[in-house]
PDB file of all heavy atoms in Angstrom:
ATOM      1  N   VAL A   1     -12.499-161.020  80.773  1.00  0.00           N
ATOM      2  CA  VAL A   1     -12.861-160.186  81.926  1.00  0.00           C
ATOM      3  C   VAL A   1     -12.473-158.727  81.649  1.00  0.00           C
ATOM      4  O   VAL A   1     -13.280-157.810  81.837  1.00  0.00           O
ATOM      5  CB  VAL A   1     -12.161-160.687  83.213  1.00  0.00           C
ATOM      6  CG1 VAL A   1     -12.439-159.751  84.377  1.00  0.00           C
ATOM      7  CG2 VAL A   1     -12.611-162.099  83.556  1.00  0.00           C
ATOM      8  N   LEU A   2     -11.239-158.531  81.191  1.00  0.00           N
ATOM      9  CA  LEU A   2     -10.779-157.179  80.853  1.00  0.00           C
ATOM     10  C   LEU A   2     -11.608-156.597  79.710  1.00  0.00           C
ATOM     11  O   LEU A   2     -11.932-155.413  79.699  1.00  0.00           O
ATOM     12  CB  LEU A   2      -9.302-157.198  80.465  1.00  0.00           C
ATOM     13  CG  LEU A   2      -8.311-157.473  81.595  1.00  0.00           C
ATOM     14  CD1 LEU A   2      -6.903-157.598  81.044  1.00  0.00           C
ATOM     15  CD2 LEU A   2      -8.362-156.371  82.641  1.00  0.00           C
ATOM     16  N   ASN A   3     -11.956-157.456  78.755  1.00  0.00           N
ATOM     17  CA  ASN A   3     -12.780-157.023  77.628  1.00  0.00           C
ATOM     18  C   ASN A   3     -14.118-156.469  78.120  1.00  0.00           C
ATOM     19  O   ASN A   3     -14.564-155.404  77.673  1.00  0.00           O
ATOM     20  CB  ASN A   3     -12.996-158.222  76.698  1.00  0.00           C
ATOM     21  CG  ASN A   3     -13.897-157.902  75.529  1.00  0.00           C
ATOM     22  OD1 ASN A   3     -15.000-158.420  75.438  1.00  0.00           O
ATOM     23  ND2 ASN A   3     -13.447-157.066  74.610  1.00  0.00           N
ATOM     24  N   THR A   4     -14.724-157.160  79.078  1.00  0.00           N
ATOM     25  CA  THR A   4     -16.012-156.715  79.639  1.00  0.00           C
ATOM     26  C   THR A   4     -15.840-155.424  80.432  1.00  0.00           C
ATOM     27  O   THR A   4     -16.662-154.509  80.328  1.00  0.00           O
ATOM     28  CB  THR A   4     -16.600-157.822  80.547  1.00  0.00           C
ATOM     29  OG1 THR A   4     -16.720-159.022  79.781  1.00  0.00           O
ATOM     30  CG2 THR A   4     -17.971-157.423  81.072  1.00  0.00           C
ATOM     31  N   LEU A   5     -14.761-155.360  81.234  1.00  0.00           N
ATOM     32  CA  LEU A   5     -14.484-154.146  82.016  1.00  0.00           C
ATOM     33  C   LEU A   5     -14.309-152.934  81.099  1.00  0.00           C
ATOM     34  O   LEU A   5     -14.839-151.857  81.371  1.00  0.00           O
ATOM     35  CB  LEU A   5     -13.208-154.328  82.842  1.00  0.00           C
ATOM     36  CG  LEU A   5     -13.326-155.098  84.161  1.00  0.00           C
ATOM     37  CD1 LEU A   5     -11.934-155.375  84.720  1.00  0.00           C
ATOM     38  CD2 LEU A   5     -14.136-154.324  85.169  1.00  0.00           C
ATOM     39  N   GLU A   6     -13.569-153.137  80.021  1.00  0.00           N
ATOM     40  CA  GLU A   6     -13.314-152.030  79.102  1.00  0.00           C
ATOM     41  C   GLU A   6     -14.594-151.545  78.422  1.00  0.00           C
ATOM     42  O   GLU A   6     -14.760-150.366  78.156  1.00  0.00           O
ATOM     43  CB  GLU A   6     -12.282-152.457  78.047  1.00  0.00           C
ATOM     44  CG  GLU A   6     -10.879-152.580  78.616  1.00  0.00           C
ATOM     45  CD  GLU A   6      -9.888-153.166  77.621  1.00  0.00           C
ATOM     46  OE1 GLU A   6     -10.267-153.387  76.445  1.00  0.00           O
ATOM     47  OE2 GLU A   6      -8.740-153.404  78.010  1.00  0.00           O
ATOM     48  N   ARG A   7     -15.505-152.472  78.161  1.00  0.00           N
ATOM     49  CA  ARG A   7     -16.762-152.086  77.504  1.00  0.00           C
ATOM     50  C   ARG A   7     -17.740-151.430  78.484  1.00  0.00           C
ATOM     51  O   ARG A   7     -18.454-150.490  78.124  1.00  0.00           O
ATOM     52  CB  ARG A   7     -17.429-153.306  76.866  1.00  0.00           C
ATOM     53  CG  ARG A   7     -16.651-153.883  75.713  1.00  0.00           C
ATOM     54  CD  ARG A   7     -17.412-154.981  75.004  1.00  0.00           C
ATOM     55  NE  ARG A   7     -18.476-154.456  74.157  1.00  0.00           N
ATOM     56  CZ  ARG A   7     -18.300-153.956  72.937  1.00  0.00           C
ATOM     57  NH1 ARG A   7     -17.095-153.900  72.414  1.00  0.00           N
ATOM     58  NH2 ARG A   7     -19.319-153.518  72.228  1.00  0.00           N
ATOM     59  N   ASN A   8     -17.764-151.926  79.722  1.00  0.00           N
ATOM     60  CA  ASN A   8     -18.767-151.460  80.691  1.00  0.00           C
ATOM     61  C   ASN A   8     -18.283-150.341  81.592  1.00  0.00           C
ATOM     62  O   ASN A   8     -19.092-149.591  82.138  1.00  0.00           O
ATOM     63  CB  ASN A   8     -19.235-152.632  81.572  1.00  0.00           C
ATOM     64  CG  ASN A   8     -19.931-153.707  80.776  1.00  0.00           C
ATOM     65  OD1 ASN A   8     -20.316-153.490  79.630  1.00  0.00           O
ATOM     66  ND2 ASN A   8     -20.088-154.884  81.363  1.00  0.00           N
ATOM     67  N   GLY A   9     -16.963-150.244  81.771  1.00  0.00           N
ATOM     68  CA  GLY A   9     -16.430-149.289  82.743  1.00  0.00           C
ATOM     69  C   GLY A   9     -16.513-149.850  84.154  1.00  0.00           C
ATOM     70  O   GLY A   9     -17.046-150.943  84.374  1.00  0.00           O
ATOM     71  N   VAL A  10     -15.969-149.103  85.122  1.00  0.00           N
ATOM     72  CA  VAL A  10     -16.016-149.536  86.519  1.00  0.00           C
ATOM     73  C   VAL A  10     -16.430-148.354  87.388  1.00  0.00           C
ATOM     74  O   VAL A  10     -16.222-147.199  87.023  1.00  0.00           O
ATOM     75  CB  VAL A  10     -14.641-150.060  87.010  1.00  0.00           C
ATOM     76  CG1 VAL A  10     -14.266-151.350  86.315  1.00  0.00           C
ATOM     77  CG2 VAL A  10     -13.556-149.019  86.827  1.00  0.00           C
ATOM     78  N   HIS A  11     -17.048-148.651  88.524  1.00  0.00           N
ATOM     79  CA  HIS A  11     -17.398-147.602  89.481  1.00  0.00           C
ATOM     80  C   HIS A  11     -16.151-147.172  90.246  1.00  0.00           C
ATOM     81  O   HIS A  11     -15.345-148.006  90.641  1.00  0.00           O
ATOM     82  CB  HIS A  11     -18.441-148.114  90.480  1.00  0.00           C
ATOM     83  CG  HIS A  11     -19.805-148.257  89.886  1.00  0.00           C
ATOM     84  ND1 HIS A  11     -20.543-147.179  89.456  1.00  0.00           N
ATOM     85  CD2 HIS A  11     -20.565-149.348  89.637  1.00  0.00           C
ATOM     86  CE1 HIS A  11     -21.702-147.600  88.983  1.00  0.00           C
ATOM     87  NE2 HIS A  11     -21.740-148.911  89.070  1.00  0.00           N
ATOM     88  N   ILE A  12     -15.992-145.881  90.441  1.00  0.00           N
ATOM     89  CA  ILE A  12     -14.834-145.366  91.182  1.00  0.00           C
ATOM     90  C   ILE A  12     -15.302-144.497  92.341  1.00  0.00           C
ATOM     91  O   ILE A  12     -16.198-143.666  92.185  1.00  0.00           O
ATOM     92  CB  ILE A  12     -13.903-144.551  90.248  1.00  0.00           C
ATOM     93  CG1 ILE A  12     -13.159-145.512  89.323  1.00  0.00           C
ATOM     94  CG2 ILE A  12     -12.924-143.720  91.038  1.00  0.00           C
ATOM     95  CD1 ILE A  12     -12.118-144.868  88.461  1.00  0.00           C
ATOM     96  N   ASP A  13     -14.714-144.734  93.511  1.00  0.00           N
ATOM     97  CA  ASP A  13     -14.978-143.913  94.687  1.00  0.00           C
ATOM     98  C   ASP A  13     -14.063-142.693  94.601  1.00  0.00           C
ATOM     99  O   ASP A  13     -12.880-142.752  94.941  1.00  0.00           O
ATOM    100  CB  ASP A  13     -14.686-144.736  95.955  1.00  0.00           C
ATOM    101  CG  ASP A  13     -15.036-143.984  97.232  1.00  0.00           C
ATOM    102  OD1 ASP A  13     -15.019-142.726  97.211  1.00  0.00           O
ATOM    103  OD2 ASP A  13     -15.318-144.640  98.247  1.00  0.00           O
ATOM    104  N   ILE A  14     -14.607-141.591  94.121  1.00  0.00           N
ATOM    105  CA  ILE A  14     -13.803-140.388  93.879  1.00  0.00           C
ATOM    106  C   ILE A  14     -13.188-139.852  95.173  1.00  0.00           C
ATOM    107  O   ILE A  14     -12.032-139.413  95.190  1.00  0.00           O
ATOM    108  CB  ILE A  14     -14.659-139.298  93.192  1.00  0.00           C
ATOM    109  CG1 ILE A  14     -15.082-139.793  91.798  1.00  0.00           C
ATOM    110  CG2 ILE A  14     -13.883-137.988  93.054  1.00  0.00           C
ATOM    111  CD1 ILE A  14     -16.066-138.887  91.101  1.00  0.00           C
ATOM    112  N   PHE A  15     -13.949-139.916  96.253  1.00  0.00           N
ATOM    113  CA  PHE A  15     -13.448-139.415  97.540  1.00  0.00           C
ATOM    114  C   PHE A  15     -12.228-140.228  97.988  1.00  0.00           C
ATOM    115  O   PHE A  15     -11.212-139.669  98.399  1.00  0.00           O
ATOM    116  CB  PHE A  15     -14.546-139.476  98.601  1.00  0.00           C
ATOM    117  CG  PHE A  15     -14.106-139.017  99.956  1.00  0.00           C
ATOM    118  CD1 PHE A  15     -13.812-137.676 100.207  1.00  0.00           C
ATOM    119  CD2 PHE A  15     -13.956-139.933 101.000  1.00  0.00           C
ATOM    120  CE1 PHE A  15     -13.378-137.258 101.460  1.00  0.00           C
ATOM    121  CE2 PHE A  15     -13.528-139.516 102.257  1.00  0.00           C
ATOM    122  CZ  PHE A  15     -13.241-138.178 102.478  1.00  0.00           C
ATOM    123  N   MET A  16     -12.334-141.544  97.897  1.00  0.00           N
ATOM    124  CA  MET A  16     -11.217-142.425  98.270  1.00  0.00           C
ATOM    125  C   MET A  16      -9.990-142.170  97.390  1.00  0.00           C
ATOM    126  O   MET A  16      -8.856-142.102  97.862  1.00  0.00           O
ATOM    127  CB  MET A  16     -11.645-143.898  98.142  1.00  0.00           C
ATOM    128  CG  MET A  16     -10.542-144.908  98.416  1.00  0.00           C
ATOM    129  SD  MET A  16     -10.019-144.901 100.131  1.00  0.00           S
ATOM    130  CE  MET A  16     -11.366-145.851 100.865  1.00  0.00           C
ATOM    131  N   LEU A  17     -10.239-141.974  96.100  1.00  0.00           N
ATOM    132  CA  LEU A  17      -9.155-141.720  95.160  1.00  0.00           C
ATOM    133  C   LEU A  17      -8.441-140.400  95.497  1.00  0.00           C
ATOM    134  O   LEU A  17      -7.217-140.313  95.435  1.00  0.00           O
ATOM    135  CB  LEU A  17      -9.725-141.660  93.736  1.00  0.00           C
ATOM    136  CG  LEU A  17      -8.786-142.003  92.583  1.00  0.00           C
ATOM    137  CD1 LEU A  17      -8.221-143.401  92.728  1.00  0.00           C
ATOM    138  CD2 LEU A  17      -9.511-141.870  91.256  1.00  0.00           C
ATOM    139  N   GLN A  18      -9.220-139.395  95.882  1.00  0.00           N
ATOM    140  CA  GLN A  18      -8.655-138.099  96.256  1.00  0.00           C
ATOM    141  C   GLN A  18      -7.795-138.218  97.512  1.00  0.00           C
ATOM    142  O   GLN A  18      -6.723-137.633  97.612  1.00  0.00           O
ATOM    143  CB  GLN A  18      -9.764-137.069  96.480  1.00  0.00           C
ATOM    144  CG  GLN A  18      -9.252-135.647  96.741  1.00  0.00           C
ATOM    145  CD  GLN A  18      -8.448-135.088  95.583  1.00  0.00           C
ATOM    146  OE1 GLN A  18      -8.936-135.026  94.463  1.00  0.00           O
ATOM    147  NE2 GLN A  18      -7.214-134.680  95.843  1.00  0.00           N
ATOM    148  N   GLN A  19      -8.274-139.027  98.469  1.00  0.00           N
ATOM    149  CA  GLN A  19      -7.506-139.258  99.702  1.00  0.00           C
ATOM    150  C   GLN A  19      -6.156-139.912  99.383  1.00  0.00           C
ATOM    151  O   GLN A  19      -5.121-139.517  99.920  1.00  0.00           O
ATOM    152  CB  GLN A  19      -8.299-140.165 100.653  1.00  0.00           C
ATOM    153  CG  GLN A  19      -9.426-139.457 101.386  1.00  0.00           C
ATOM    154  CD  GLN A  19     -10.083-140.380 102.392  1.00  0.00           C
ATOM    155  OE1 GLN A  19     -10.407-141.528 102.083  1.00  0.00           O
ATOM    156  NE2 GLN A  19     -10.290-139.900 103.604  1.00  0.00           N
ATOM    157  N   GLN A  20      -6.204-140.909  98.492  1.00  0.00           N
ATOM    158  CA  GLN A  20      -4.974-141.602  98.103  1.00  0.00           C
ATOM    159  C   GLN A  20      -4.021-140.647  97.390  1.00  0.00           C
ATOM    160  O   GLN A  20      -2.808-140.674  97.610  1.00  0.00           O
ATOM    161  CB  GLN A  20      -5.308-142.798  97.206  1.00  0.00           C
ATOM    162  CG  GLN A  20      -6.025-143.919  97.950  1.00  0.00           C
ATOM    163  CD  GLN A  20      -6.439-145.049  97.020  1.00  0.00           C
ATOM    164  OE1 GLN A  20      -6.723-144.826  95.857  1.00  0.00           O
ATOM    165  NE2 GLN A  20      -6.477-146.252  97.551  1.00  0.00           N
ATOM    166  N   SER A  21      -4.581-139.806  96.521  1.00  0.00           N
ATOM    167  CA  SER A  21      -3.771-138.849  95.776  1.00  0.00           C
ATOM    168  C   SER A  21      -3.095-137.848  96.721  1.00  0.00           C
ATOM    169  O   SER A  21      -1.916-137.528  96.565  1.00  0.00           O
ATOM    170  CB  SER A  21      -4.640-138.112  94.759  1.00  0.00           C
ATOM    171  OG  SER A  21      -3.851-137.396  93.846  1.00  0.00           O
ATOM    172  N   ASP A  22      -3.853-137.377  97.712  1.00  0.00           N
ATOM    173  CA  ASP A  22      -3.304-136.436  98.695  1.00  0.00           C
ATOM    174  C   ASP A  22      -2.186-137.085  99.516  1.00  0.00           C
ATOM    175  O   ASP A  22      -1.165-136.456  99.802  1.00  0.00           O
ATOM    176  CB  ASP A  22      -4.414-135.939  99.634  1.00  0.00           C
ATOM    177  CG  ASP A  22      -5.413-135.033  98.917  1.00  0.00           C
ATOM    178  OD1 ASP A  22      -5.099-134.569  97.807  1.00  0.00           O
ATOM    179  OD2 ASP A  22      -6.518-134.824  99.467  1.00  0.00           O
ATOM    180  N   ALA A  23      -2.404-138.353  99.903  1.00  0.00           N
ATOM    181  CA  ALA A  23      -1.392-139.071 100.684  1.00  0.00           C
ATOM    182  C   ALA A  23      -0.106-139.254  99.874  1.00  0.00           C
ATOM    183  O   ALA A  23       1.001-139.077 100.386  1.00  0.00           O
ATOM    184  CB  ALA A  23      -1.944-140.439 101.121  1.00  0.00           C
ATOM    185  N   LEU A  24      -0.267-139.582  98.586  1.00  0.00           N
ATOM    186  CA  LEU A  24       0.902-139.735  97.714  1.00  0.00           C
ATOM    187  C   LEU A  24       1.630-138.399  97.559  1.00  0.00           C
ATOM    188  O   LEU A  24       2.860-138.353  97.590  1.00  0.00           O
ATOM    189  CB  LEU A  24       0.474-140.267  96.341  1.00  0.00           C
ATOM    190  CG  LEU A  24       0.100-141.749  96.265  1.00  0.00           C
ATOM    191  CD1 LEU A  24      -0.503-142.075  94.909  1.00  0.00           C
ATOM    192  CD2 LEU A  24       1.314-142.632  96.515  1.00  0.00           C
ATOM    193  N   ALA A  25       0.871-137.328  97.387  1.00  0.00           N
ATOM    194  CA  ALA A  25       1.473-135.993  97.238  1.00  0.00           C
ATOM    195  C   ALA A  25       2.299-135.634  98.472  1.00  0.00           C
ATOM    196  O   ALA A  25       3.397-135.074  98.352  1.00  0.00           O
ATOM    197  CB  ALA A  25       0.386-134.957  97.002  1.00  0.00           C
ATOM    198  N   HIS A  26       1.773-135.987  99.656  1.00  0.00           N
ATOM    199  CA  HIS A  26       2.488-135.720 100.907  1.00  0.00           C
ATOM    200  C   HIS A  26       3.809-136.492 100.941  1.00  0.00           C
ATOM    201  O   HIS A  26       4.862-135.941 101.294  1.00  0.00           O
ATOM    202  CB  HIS A  26       1.606-136.121 102.097  1.00  0.00           C
ATOM    203  CG  HIS A  26       2.271-135.969 103.424  1.00  0.00           C
ATOM    204  ND1 HIS A  26       2.439-134.756 104.051  1.00  0.00           N
ATOM    205  CD2 HIS A  26       2.845-136.903 104.244  1.00  0.00           C
ATOM    206  CE1 HIS A  26       3.077-134.934 105.191  1.00  0.00           C
ATOM    207  NE2 HIS A  26       3.332-136.234 105.338  1.00  0.00           N
ATOM    208  N   ASP A  27       3.762-137.775 100.567  1.00  0.00           N
ATOM    209  CA  ASP A  27       4.965-138.613 100.587  1.00  0.00           C
ATOM    210  C   ASP A  27       5.981-138.154  99.531  1.00  0.00           C
ATOM    211  O   ASP A  27       7.193-138.183  99.767  1.00  0.00           O
ATOM    212  CB  ASP A  27       4.595-140.078 100.336  1.00  0.00           C
ATOM    213  CG  ASP A  27       3.902-140.707 101.545  1.00  0.00           C
ATOM    214  OD1 ASP A  27       4.042-140.153 102.653  1.00  0.00           O
ATOM    215  OD2 ASP A  27       3.214-141.731 101.371  1.00  0.00           O
ATOM    216  N   ILE A  28       5.484-137.741  98.375  1.00  0.00           N
ATOM    217  CA  ILE A  28       6.359-137.252  97.303  1.00  0.00           C
ATOM    218  C   ILE A  28       7.097-135.993  97.761  1.00  0.00           C
ATOM    219  O   ILE A  28       8.303-135.844  97.545  1.00  0.00           O
ATOM    220  CB  ILE A  28       5.539-136.985  96.021  1.00  0.00           C
ATOM    221  CG1 ILE A  28       5.086-138.315  95.405  1.00  0.00           C
ATOM    222  CG2 ILE A  28       6.343-136.176  94.998  1.00  0.00           C
ATOM    223  CD1 ILE A  28       4.002-138.180  94.349  1.00  0.00           C
ATOM    224  N   ASP A  29       6.365-135.113  98.429  1.00  0.00           N
ATOM    225  CA  ASP A  29       6.964-133.872  98.943  1.00  0.00           C
ATOM    226  C   ASP A  29       8.037-134.184  99.989  1.00  0.00           C
ATOM    227  O   ASP A  29       9.116-133.590  99.996  1.00  0.00           O
ATOM    228  CB  ASP A  29       5.860-132.995  99.545  1.00  0.00           C
ATOM    229  CG  ASP A  29       6.381-131.624  99.970  1.00  0.00           C
ATOM    230  OD1 ASP A  29       6.978-130.935  99.122  1.00  0.00           O
ATOM    231  OD2 ASP A  29       6.202-131.262 101.149  1.00  0.00           O
ATOM    232  N   ARG A  30       7.741-135.165 100.856  1.00  0.00           N
ATOM    233  CA  ARG A  30       8.692-135.567 101.904  1.00  0.00           C
ATOM    234  C   ARG A  30       9.967-136.138 101.270  1.00  0.00           C
ATOM    235  O   ARG A  30      11.088-135.810 101.693  1.00  0.00           O
ATOM    236  CB  ARG A  30       8.028-136.611 102.807  1.00  0.00           C
ATOM    237  CG  ARG A  30       8.965-137.229 103.853  1.00  0.00           C
ATOM    238  CD  ARG A  30       8.228-138.235 104.741  1.00  0.00           C
ATOM    239  NE  ARG A  30       7.555-139.275 103.986  1.00  0.00           N
ATOM    240  CZ  ARG A  30       8.178-140.339 103.453  1.00  0.00           C
ATOM    241  NH1 ARG A  30       9.497-140.482 103.587  1.00  0.00           N
ATOM    242  NH2 ARG A  30       7.484-141.254 102.791  1.00  0.00           N
ATOM    243  N   LEU A  31       9.812-136.976 100.255  1.00  0.00           N
ATOM    244  CA  LEU A  31      10.960-137.593  99.596  1.00  0.00           C
ATOM    245  C   LEU A  31      11.800-136.554  98.851  1.00  0.00           C
ATOM    246  O   LEU A  31      13.034-136.647  98.811  1.00  0.00           O
ATOM    247  CB  LEU A  31      10.490-138.679  98.623  1.00  0.00           C
ATOM    248  CG  LEU A  31       9.993-139.974  99.281  1.00  0.00           C
ATOM    249  CD1 LEU A  31       9.247-140.838  98.267  1.00  0.00           C
ATOM    250  CD2 LEU A  31      11.141-140.754  99.892  1.00  0.00           C
ATOM    251  N   GLU A  32      11.135-135.556  98.268  1.00  0.00           N
ATOM    252  CA  GLU A  32      11.863-134.498  97.577  1.00  0.00           C
ATOM    253  C   GLU A  32      12.766-133.739  98.558  1.00  0.00           C
ATOM    254  O   GLU A  32      13.929-133.456  98.256  1.00  0.00           O
ATOM    255  CB  GLU A  32      10.883-133.537  96.908  1.00  0.00           C
ATOM    256  CG  GLU A  32      11.565-132.477  96.040  1.00  0.00           C
ATOM    257  CD  GLU A  32      10.577-131.626  95.267  1.00  0.00           C
ATOM    258  OE1 GLU A  32       9.480-131.366  95.800  1.00  0.00           O
ATOM    259  OE2 GLU A  32      10.909-131.214  94.145  1.00  0.00           O
ATOM    260  N   LYS A  33      12.217-133.453  99.754  1.00  0.00           N
ATOM    261  CA  LYS A  33      13.005-132.761 100.775  1.00  0.00           C
ATOM    262  C   LYS A  33      14.167-133.638 101.241  1.00  0.00           C
ATOM    263  O   LYS A  33      15.284-133.156 101.459  1.00  0.00           O
ATOM    264  CB  LYS A  33      12.109-132.381 101.952  1.00  0.00           C
ATOM    265  CG  LYS A  33      11.166-131.213 101.631  1.00  0.00           C
ATOM    266  CD  LYS A  33      10.162-130.968 102.740  1.00  0.00           C
ATOM    267  CE  LYS A  33       9.212-129.827 102.359  1.00  0.00           C
ATOM    268  NZ  LYS A  33       8.087-129.689 103.301  1.00  0.00           N
TER     269      LYS A  33
END
């Protein structure tokens, strides 16, 4: 299964990924404080 995924690639929802990244950045900033 991984072999096939690596050869074909996967579809990524860039907008969703950006939202997750922003949420993580917010939490990281909060934890730093």
